[in-house]
C-alpha atoms as a PDB file:
ATOM      1  CA  UNK A   1     127.239 141.841 111.387  1.00  0.00           C
ATOM      2  CA  UNK A   2     124.562 142.646 113.805  1.00  0.00           C
ATOM      3  CA  UNK A   3     124.008 145.941 115.353  1.00  0.00           C
ATOM      4  CA  UNK A   4     122.063 146.283 118.571  1.00  0.00           C
ATOM      5  CA  UNK A   5     119.913 149.209 119.061  1.00  0.00           C
ATOM      6  CA  UNK A   6     118.417 150.049 122.420  1.00  0.00           C
ATOM      7  CA  UNK A   7     114.996 151.533 122.432  1.00  0.00           C
ATOM      8  CA  UNK A   8     113.177 153.129 125.288  1.00  0.00           C
ATOM      9  CA  UNK A   9     109.752 151.836 125.969  1.00  0.00           C
ATOM     10  CA  UNK A  10     107.529 154.043 128.063  1.00  0.00           C
ATOM     11  CA  UNK A  11     104.714 152.731 130.104  1.00  0.00           C
ATOM     12  CA  UNK A  12     102.228 154.639 132.122  1.00  0.00           C
ATOM     13  CA  UNK A  13     104.312 154.206 135.267  1.00  0.00           C
ATOM     14  CA  UNK A  14     107.934 154.317 134.280  1.00  0.00           C
ATOM     15  CA  UNK A  15     110.461 154.100 131.478  1.00  0.00           C
ATOM     16  CA  UNK A  16     112.087 150.722 130.839  1.00  0.00           C
ATOM     17  CA  UNK A  17     115.413 150.543 129.135  1.00  0.00           C
ATOM     18  CA  UNK A  18     116.916 147.065 129.095  1.00  0.00           C
ATOM     19  CA  UNK A  19     118.105 144.232 126.886  1.00  0.00           C
ATOM     20  CA  UNK A  20     114.596 142.744 126.563  1.00  0.00           C
ATOM     21  CA  UNK A  21     113.437 145.725 124.610  1.00  0.00           C
ATOM     22  CA  UNK A  22     116.216 145.559 122.057  1.00  0.00           C
ATOM     23  CA  UNK A  23     115.777 144.653 118.429  1.00  0.00           C
ATOM     24  CA  UNK A  24     118.329 142.811 116.395  1.00  0.00           C
ATOM     25  CA  UNK A  25     118.836 144.453 113.097  1.00  0.00           C
ATOM     26  CA  UNK A  26     120.859 142.323 110.719  1.00  0.00           C
ATOM     27  CA  UNK A  27     122.599 144.067 107.920  1.00  0.00           C
ATOM     28  CA  UNK A  28     124.239 142.014 105.200  1.00  0.00           C
ATOM     29  CA  UNK A  29     126.849 143.026 102.764  1.00  0.00           C
ATOM     30  CA  UNK A  30     126.250 142.584  99.032  1.00  0.00           C
ATOM     31  CA  UNK A  31     128.742 139.675  98.984  1.00  0.00           C
ATOM     32  CA  UNK A  32     126.840 137.859 101.708  1.00  0.00           C
ATOM     33  CA  UNK A  33     123.573 138.487  99.899  1.00  0.00           C
ATOM     34  CA  UNK A  34     125.026 137.069  96.660  1.00  0.00           C
ATOM     35  CA  UNK A  35     126.392 134.021  98.504  1.00  0.00           C
ATOM     36  CA  UNK A  36     122.950 133.430 100.036  1.00  0.00           C
ATOM     37  CA  UNK A  37     121.267 133.753  96.627  1.00  0.00           C
ATOM     38  CA  UNK A  38     123.809 131.370  95.096  1.00  0.00           C
ATOM     39  CA  UNK A  39     123.156 128.776  97.807  1.00  0.00           C
ATOM     40  CA  UNK A  40     119.401 129.050  97.201  1.00  0.00           C
ATOM     41  CA  UNK A  41     119.843 128.633  93.438  1.00  0.00           C
ATOM     42  CA  UNK A  42     122.129 125.623  93.958  1.00  0.00           C
ATOM     43  CA  UNK A  43     119.483 124.070  96.212  1.00  0.00           C
ATOM     44  CA  UNK A  44     116.774 124.679  93.592  1.00  0.00           C
ATOM     45  CA  UNK A  45     118.996 123.154  90.907  1.00  0.00           C
ATOM     46  CA  UNK A  46     119.724 120.024  92.957  1.00  0.00           C
ATOM     47  CA  UNK A  47     116.039 119.537  93.735  1.00  0.00           C
ATOM     48  CA  UNK A  48     115.087 119.991  90.081  1.00  0.00           C
ATOM     49  CA  UNK A  49     117.804 117.560  89.005  1.00  0.00           C
ATOM     50  CA  UNK A  50     116.628 114.950  91.536  1.00  0.00           C
ATOM     51  CA  UNK A  51     113.031 115.420  90.393  1.00  0.00           C
ATOM     52  CA  UNK A  52     114.077 114.882  86.769  1.00  0.00           C
ATOM     53  CA  UNK A  53     115.977 111.692  87.682  1.00  0.00           C
ATOM     54  CA  UNK A  54     112.899 110.379  89.492  1.00  0.00           C
ATOM     55  CA  UNK A  55     110.787 111.213  86.434  1.00  0.00           C
ATOM     56  CA  UNK A  56     113.143 109.269  84.150  1.00  0.00           C
ATOM     57  CA  UNK A  57     113.107 106.256  86.470  1.00  0.00           C
ATOM     58  CA  UNK A  58     109.319 106.324  86.780  1.00  0.00           C
ATOM     59  CA  UNK A  59     108.721 106.568  83.009  1.00  0.00           C
ATOM     60  CA  UNK A  60     111.151 103.715  82.356  1.00  0.00           C
ATOM     61  CA  UNK A  61     109.306 101.552  84.872  1.00  0.00           C
ATOM     62  CA  UNK A  62     105.932 102.492  83.351  1.00  0.00           C
ATOM     63  CA  UNK A  63     107.196 101.613  79.876  1.00  0.00           C
ATOM     64  CA  UNK A  64     108.319  98.149  81.034  1.00  0.00           C
ATOM     65  CA  UNK A  65     104.932  97.611  82.726  1.00  0.00           C
ATOM     66  CA  UNK A  66     103.145  98.685  79.551  1.00  0.00           C
ATOM     67  CA  UNK A  67     104.968  96.085  77.476  1.00  0.00           C
ATOM     68  CA  UNK A  68     104.270  93.343  79.999  1.00  0.00           C
ATOM     69  CA  UNK A  69     100.584  94.226  80.278  1.00  0.00           C
ATOM     70  CA  UNK A  70     100.227  94.431  76.517  1.00  0.00           C
ATOM     71  CA  UNK A  71     101.390  90.838  76.232  1.00  0.00           C
ATOM     72  CA  UNK A  72      99.206  89.954  79.211  1.00  0.00           C
ATOM     73  CA  UNK A  73      96.038  90.731  77.265  1.00  0.00           C
ATOM     74  CA  UNK A  74      97.085  88.523  74.348  1.00  0.00           C
ATOM     75  CA  UNK A  75      98.110  85.644  76.599  1.00  0.00           C
ATOM     76  CA  UNK A  76      94.910  85.970  78.638  1.00  0.00           C
ATOM     77  CA  UNK A  77      92.866  85.617  75.451  1.00  0.00           C
ATOM     78  CA  UNK A  78      94.760  82.395  74.575  1.00  0.00           C
ATOM     79  CA  UNK A  79      93.990  80.663  77.897  1.00  0.00           C
ATOM     80  CA  UNK A  80      90.545  79.381  76.790  1.00  0.00           C
ATOM     81  CA  UNK A  81      92.242  77.736  73.803  1.00  0.00           C
ATOM     82  CA  UNK A  82      94.547  75.836  76.162  1.00  0.00           C
ATOM     83  CA  UNK A  83      91.461  74.752  78.127  1.00  0.00           C
ATOM     84  CA  UNK A  84      89.863  73.545  74.899  1.00  0.00           C
ATOM     85  CA  UNK A  85      92.969  71.473  74.107  1.00  0.00           C
ATOM     86  CA  UNK A  86      92.726  69.850  77.562  1.00  0.00           C
ATOM     87  CA  UNK A  87      89.037  69.032  77.053  1.00  0.00           C
ATOM     88  CA  UNK A  88      89.682  67.637  73.555  1.00  0.00           C
ATOM     89  CA  UNK A  89      92.506  65.428  74.825  1.00  0.00           C
ATOM     90  CA  UNK A  90      90.369  64.051  77.658  1.00  0.00           C
ATOM     91  CA  UNK A  91      87.540  63.214  75.214  1.00  0.00           C
ATOM     92  CA  UNK A  92      89.974  61.598  72.757  1.00  0.00           C
ATOM     93  CA  UNK A  93      91.357  59.446  75.555  1.00  0.00           C
ATOM     94  CA  UNK A  94      87.830  58.173  76.253  1.00  0.00           C
ATOM     95  CA  UNK A  95      87.277  57.331  72.565  1.00  0.00           C
ATOM     96  CA  UNK A  96      90.677  55.685  72.059  1.00  0.00           C
ATOM     97  CA  UNK A  97      91.698  58.052  69.235  1.00  0.00           C
ATOM     98  CA  UNK A  98      95.403  57.680  69.949  1.00  0.00           C
ATOM     99  CA  UNK A  99      96.850  58.916  66.644  1.00  0.00           C
ATOM    100  CA  UNK A 100      94.662  61.989  66.598  1.00  0.00           C
ATOM    101  CA  UNK A 101      95.357  62.675  70.251  1.00  0.00           C
ATOM    102  CA  UNK A 102      99.121  62.575  69.616  1.00  0.00           C
ATOM    103  CA  UNK A 103      98.774  65.336  67.017  1.00  0.00           C
ATOM    104  CA  UNK A 104      96.584  67.454  69.271  1.00  0.00           C
ATOM    105  CA  UNK A 105      99.029  66.888  72.147  1.00  0.00           C
ATOM    106  CA  UNK A 106     101.935  68.095  69.981  1.00  0.00           C
ATOM    107  CA  UNK A 107     100.074  71.268  69.011  1.00  0.00           C
ATOM    108  CA  UNK A 108      99.089  71.938  72.629  1.00  0.00           C
ATOM    109  CA  UNK A 109     102.673  71.420  73.851  1.00  0.00           C
ATOM    110  CA  UNK A 110     104.015  73.743  71.176  1.00  0.00           C
ATOM    111  CA  UNK A 111     101.550  76.461  72.160  1.00  0.00           C
ATOM    112  CA  UNK A 112     102.337  75.994  75.864  1.00  0.00           C
ATOM    113  CA  UNK A 113     106.099  76.095  75.319  1.00  0.00           C
ATOM    114  CA  UNK A 114     105.759  79.324  73.310  1.00  0.00           C
ATOM    115  CA  UNK A 115     103.669  80.911  76.064  1.00  0.00           C
ATOM    116  CA  UNK A 116     106.065  79.663  78.743  1.00  0.00           C
ATOM    117  CA  UNK A 117     108.903  81.438  76.926  1.00  0.00           C
ATOM    118  CA  UNK A 118     106.865  84.635  77.330  1.00  0.00           C
ATOM    119  CA  UNK A 119     106.582  84.050  81.098  1.00  0.00           C
ATOM    120  CA  UNK A 120     103.359  82.054  81.456  1.00  0.00           C
ATOM    121  CA  UNK A 121     103.242  79.333  84.103  1.00  0.00           C
ATOM    122  CA  UNK A 122     100.420  77.167  85.426  1.00  0.00           C
ATOM    123  CA  UNK A 123      99.423  77.402  89.085  1.00  0.00           C
ATOM    124  CA  UNK A 124      99.604  73.915  90.526  1.00  0.00           C
ATOM    125  CA  UNK A 125      96.457  72.981  92.449  1.00  0.00           C
ATOM    126  CA  UNK A 126      95.491  69.434  93.362  1.00  0.00           C
ATOM    127  CA  UNK A 127      92.496  67.842  95.016  1.00  0.00           C
ATOM    128  CA  UNK A 128      92.893  67.891  98.782  1.00  0.00           C
ATOM    129  CA  UNK A 129      94.816  71.185  98.960  1.00  0.00           C
ATOM    130  CA  UNK A 130      93.618  73.662 101.567  1.00  0.00           C
ATOM    131  CA  UNK A 131      91.368  76.335 100.062  1.00  0.00           C
ATOM    132  CA  UNK A 132      92.643  79.908 100.289  1.00  0.00           C
ATOM    133  CA  UNK A 133      90.506  82.794  99.033  1.00  0.00           C
ATOM    134  CA  UNK A 134      93.717  84.680  98.201  1.00  0.00           C
ATOM    135  CA  UNK A 135      94.950  81.947  95.858  1.00  0.00           C
ATOM    136  CA  UNK A 136      91.789  80.287  94.494  1.00  0.00           C
ATOM    137  CA  UNK A 137      88.386  81.208  93.125  1.00  0.00           C
ATOM    138  CA  UNK A 138      85.615  79.086  94.622  1.00  0.00           C
ATOM    139  CA  UNK A 139      82.916  78.239  92.101  1.00  0.00           C
ATOM    140  CA  UNK A 140      80.705  76.226  94.457  1.00  0.00           C
ATOM    141  CA  UNK A 141      80.650  74.320  97.724  1.00  0.00           C
ATOM    142  CA  UNK A 142      79.491  70.738  98.023  1.00  0.00           C
ATOM    143  CA  UNK A 143      79.154  68.433 101.022  1.00  0.00           C
ATOM    144  CA  UNK A 144      82.592  67.032 101.811  1.00  0.00           C
ATOM    145  CA  UNK A 145      82.933  63.281 101.137  1.00  0.00           C
ATOM    146  CA  UNK A 146      84.853  62.925 104.415  1.00  0.00           C
ATOM    147  CA  UNK A 147      85.518  64.983 107.523  1.00  0.00           C
ATOM    148  CA  UNK A 148      89.155  65.734 106.575  1.00  0.00           C
ATOM    149  CA  UNK A 149      88.063  67.199 103.204  1.00  0.00           C
ATOM    150  CA  UNK A 150      86.089  70.040 104.823  1.00  0.00           C
ATOM    151  CA  UNK A 151      87.550  73.374 103.713  1.00  0.00           C
ATOM    152  CA  UNK A 152      89.714  71.660 101.130  1.00  0.00           C
ATOM    153  CA  UNK A 153      89.605  71.536  97.347  1.00  0.00           C
ATOM    154  CA  UNK A 154      87.399  68.726  96.027  1.00  0.00           C
ATOM    155  CA  UNK A 155      87.783  69.409  92.293  1.00  0.00           C
ATOM    156  CA  UNK A 156      89.648  71.819  89.993  1.00  0.00           C
ATOM    157  CA  UNK A 157      87.301  73.176  87.315  1.00  0.00           C
ATOM    158  CA  UNK A 158      89.742  75.489  85.508  1.00  0.00           C
ATOM    159  CA  UNK A 159      93.501  75.838  85.836  1.00  0.00           C
ATOM    160  CA  UNK A 160      95.034  79.077  87.027  1.00  0.00           C
ATOM    161  CA  UNK A 161      97.952  80.849  85.369  1.00  0.00           C
ATOM    162  CA  UNK A 162     100.647  83.360  86.250  1.00  0.00           C
ATOM    163  CA  UNK A 163     102.471  85.719  83.941  1.00  0.00           C
ATOM    164  CA  UNK A 164     105.790  86.304  85.653  1.00  0.00           C
ATOM    165  CA  UNK A 165     104.857  86.917  89.294  1.00  0.00           C
ATOM    166  CA  UNK A 166     101.375  88.258  88.565  1.00  0.00           C
ATOM    167  CA  UNK A 167      98.334  85.979  88.617  1.00  0.00           C
ATOM    168  CA  UNK A 168      96.322  86.530  85.435  1.00  0.00           C
ATOM    169  CA  UNK A 169      93.715  83.845  86.148  1.00  0.00           C
ATOM    170  CA  UNK A 170      92.997  82.242  89.499  1.00  0.00           C
ATOM    171  CA  UNK A 171      92.263  78.511  89.548  1.00  0.00           C
ATOM    172  CA  UNK A 172      88.507  77.840  89.750  1.00  0.00           C
ATOM    173  CA  UNK A 173      87.779  75.145  92.295  1.00  0.00           C
ATOM    174  CA  UNK A 174      84.992  73.306  94.102  1.00  0.00           C
ATOM    175  CA  UNK A 175      85.420  73.126  97.879  1.00  0.00           C
ATOM    176  CA  UNK A 176      83.919  70.861 100.510  1.00  0.00           C
ATOM    177  CA  UNK A 177      81.995  72.167 103.495  1.00  0.00           C
END
Protein backbone atom coordinates (compact mmCIF):
# COMPACT_ATOMS: atom_id res chain seq x y z
CA UNK A 1 0.00 0.00 0.00
CA UNK A 2 1.64 3.13 -1.08
CA UNK A 3 0.58 6.53 -0.13
CA UNK A 4 1.58 9.53 -2.19
CA UNK A 5 2.31 12.70 -0.51
CA UNK A 6 2.68 15.93 -2.41
CA UNK A 7 5.21 18.37 -1.14
CA UNK A 8 5.68 21.94 -2.14
CA UNK A 9 9.14 22.91 -3.14
CA UNK A 10 9.90 26.60 -3.13
CA UNK A 11 12.54 28.13 -5.25
CA UNK A 12 13.66 31.69 -5.35
CA UNK A 13 11.33 32.44 -8.24
CA UNK A 14 8.21 30.41 -7.78
CA UNK A 15 6.56 27.50 -6.01
CA UNK A 16 6.50 24.16 -7.82
CA UNK A 17 3.89 21.61 -6.95
CA UNK A 18 3.87 18.61 -9.27
CA UNK A 19 4.30 14.86 -9.49
CA UNK A 20 8.11 15.12 -9.83
CA UNK A 21 8.40 16.43 -6.33
CA UNK A 22 6.45 13.60 -4.75
CA UNK A 23 7.91 10.96 -2.49
CA UNK A 24 6.70 7.42 -2.35
CA UNK A 25 6.26 6.30 1.18
CA UNK A 26 5.71 2.57 1.45
CA UNK A 27 4.03 1.32 4.53
CA UNK A 28 3.86 -2.40 5.16
CA UNK A 29 1.59 -4.29 7.41
CA UNK A 30 3.03 -6.62 10.06
CA UNK A 31 1.90 -9.65 8.01
CA UNK A 32 3.77 -8.42 4.96
CA UNK A 33 6.84 -7.74 7.07
CA UNK A 34 6.70 -11.27 8.52
CA UNK A 35 6.27 -12.77 5.04
CA UNK A 36 9.30 -10.81 3.83
CA UNK A 37 11.37 -11.96 6.82
CA UNK A 38 10.28 -15.56 6.24
CA UNK A 39 11.33 -15.39 2.58
CA UNK A 40 14.73 -14.01 3.59
CA UNK A 41 15.23 -16.77 6.18
CA UNK A 42 14.21 -19.44 3.65
CA UNK A 43 16.75 -18.01 1.20
CA UNK A 44 19.48 -18.07 3.86
CA UNK A 45 18.58 -21.66 4.74
CA UNK A 46 18.71 -22.82 1.11
CA UNK A 47 22.07 -21.14 0.57
CA UNK A 48 23.48 -22.67 3.76
CA UNK A 49 22.16 -26.09 2.78
CA UNK A 50 23.72 -25.82 -0.69
CA UNK A 51 27.01 -24.70 0.84
CA UNK A 52 26.98 -27.71 3.18
CA UNK A 53 26.30 -30.10 0.27
CA UNK A 54 29.23 -28.60 -1.64
CA UNK A 55 31.42 -29.02 1.44
CA UNK A 56 30.48 -32.70 1.73
CA UNK A 57 31.20 -33.31 -1.95
CA UNK A 58 34.54 -31.50 -1.77
CA UNK A 59 35.73 -33.38 1.34
CA UNK A 60 34.74 -36.72 -0.20
CA UNK A 61 36.74 -35.87 -3.32
CA UNK A 62 39.73 -34.76 -1.22
CA UNK A 63 39.60 -38.00 0.77
CA UNK A 64 39.68 -40.10 -2.42
CA UNK A 65 42.61 -38.02 -3.72
CA UNK A 66 44.44 -38.49 -0.43
CA UNK A 67 44.19 -42.26 -0.66
CA UNK A 68 45.37 -42.29 -4.26
CA UNK A 69 48.31 -39.98 -3.55
CA UNK A 70 49.29 -41.99 -0.50
CA UNK A 71 49.67 -45.07 -2.66
CA UNK A 72 51.39 -42.94 -5.30
CA UNK A 73 54.34 -42.29 -2.99
CA UNK A 74 54.81 -45.99 -2.25
CA UNK A 75 54.54 -46.99 -5.90
CA UNK A 76 56.90 -44.19 -6.95
CA UNK A 77 59.51 -45.52 -4.52
CA UNK A 78 59.20 -49.02 -6.07
CA UNK A 79 59.90 -47.84 -9.64
CA UNK A 80 63.72 -47.95 -9.26
CA UNK A 81 63.40 -51.58 -8.17
CA UNK A 82 61.58 -52.39 -11.42
CA UNK A 83 64.39 -50.64 -13.30
CA UNK A 84 66.93 -52.75 -11.43
CA UNK A 85 65.07 -55.93 -12.44
CA UNK A 86 65.22 -54.82 -16.09
CA UNK A 87 68.97 -54.14 -15.85
CA UNK A 88 69.60 -57.48 -14.11
CA UNK A 89 67.64 -59.37 -16.77
CA UNK A 90 69.54 -57.69 -19.60
CA UNK A 91 72.90 -58.56 -17.97
CA UNK A 92 71.79 -62.16 -17.35
CA UNK A 93 70.82 -62.49 -20.99
CA UNK A 94 74.35 -61.45 -21.98
CA UNK A 95 75.89 -64.04 -19.63
CA UNK A 96 73.55 -66.87 -20.62
CA UNK A 97 72.28 -67.42 -17.05
CA UNK A 98 68.93 -68.78 -18.21
CA UNK A 99 67.80 -70.56 -15.03
CA UNK A 100 68.62 -67.61 -12.83
CA UNK A 101 67.01 -65.21 -15.28
CA UNK A 102 63.77 -67.23 -15.23
CA UNK A 103 63.55 -66.80 -11.45
CA UNK A 104 64.28 -63.09 -11.62
CA UNK A 105 61.72 -62.74 -14.44
CA UNK A 106 59.06 -64.45 -12.30
CA UNK A 107 59.72 -62.13 -9.36
CA UNK A 108 59.65 -59.06 -11.62
CA UNK A 109 56.37 -60.16 -13.24
CA UNK A 110 54.79 -60.78 -9.85
CA UNK A 111 55.79 -57.32 -8.64
CA UNK A 112 54.53 -55.71 -11.86
CA UNK A 113 51.20 -57.54 -11.76
CA UNK A 114 50.67 -56.44 -8.14
CA UNK A 115 51.42 -52.82 -9.04
CA UNK A 116 49.20 -53.03 -12.13
CA UNK A 117 46.32 -54.12 -9.89
CA UNK A 118 46.87 -50.87 -7.98
CA UNK A 119 46.60 -48.85 -11.21
CA UNK A 120 50.21 -48.64 -12.43
CA UNK A 121 50.83 -48.81 -16.17
CA UNK A 122 53.94 -48.29 -18.28
CA UNK A 123 54.04 -45.49 -20.84
CA UNK A 124 54.92 -47.04 -24.17
CA UNK A 125 57.74 -45.18 -25.92
CA UNK A 126 59.79 -46.62 -28.77
CA UNK A 127 62.77 -45.44 -30.75
CA UNK A 128 61.66 -43.28 -33.65
CA UNK A 129 58.63 -41.75 -31.90
CA UNK A 130 58.26 -37.99 -32.22
CA UNK A 131 59.57 -36.16 -29.15
CA UNK A 132 57.01 -34.14 -27.19
CA UNK A 133 58.09 -32.07 -24.18
CA UNK A 134 54.64 -32.65 -22.67
CA UNK A 135 55.02 -36.43 -22.72
CA UNK A 136 58.78 -37.06 -22.41
CA UNK A 137 61.77 -35.86 -20.44
CA UNK A 138 64.79 -35.23 -22.65
CA UNK A 139 68.05 -36.21 -20.98
CA UNK A 140 70.35 -35.21 -23.85
CA UNK A 141 70.48 -34.48 -27.55
CA UNK A 142 72.84 -36.24 -29.93
CA UNK A 143 73.43 -35.82 -33.66
CA UNK A 144 70.70 -37.72 -35.50
CA UNK A 145 71.95 -40.80 -37.38
CA UNK A 146 69.71 -39.85 -40.32
CA UNK A 147 67.72 -36.84 -41.47
CA UNK A 148 64.33 -38.43 -40.63
CA UNK A 149 65.42 -39.04 -37.01
CA UNK A 150 65.80 -35.31 -36.26
CA UNK A 151 63.43 -34.35 -33.44
CA UNK A 152 62.64 -37.98 -32.76
CA UNK A 153 63.52 -40.32 -29.92
CA UNK A 154 66.85 -42.10 -30.46
CA UNK A 155 66.97 -44.08 -27.20
CA UNK A 156 64.82 -44.63 -24.09
CA UNK A 157 66.95 -44.37 -20.94
CA UNK A 158 64.22 -44.93 -18.34
CA UNK A 159 60.62 -46.06 -18.74
CA UNK A 160 57.77 -43.78 -17.76
CA UNK A 161 54.78 -44.81 -15.66
CA UNK A 162 51.22 -43.70 -15.02
CA UNK A 163 49.13 -44.28 -11.93
CA UNK A 164 45.57 -44.22 -13.21
CA UNK A 165 45.46 -41.20 -15.52
CA UNK A 166 48.24 -39.29 -13.77
CA UNK A 167 51.85 -39.53 -14.95
CA UNK A 168 54.08 -40.26 -11.95
CA UNK A 169 57.32 -40.55 -13.94
CA UNK A 170 57.92 -39.29 -17.46
CA UNK A 171 60.00 -41.47 -19.78
CA UNK A 172 63.61 -40.24 -19.99
CA UNK A 173 64.79 -40.20 -23.57
CA UNK A 174 67.66 -39.18 -25.85
CA UNK A 175 66.60 -37.18 -28.90
CA UNK A 176 68.30 -36.48 -32.21
CA UNK A 177 68.95 -32.98 -33.48
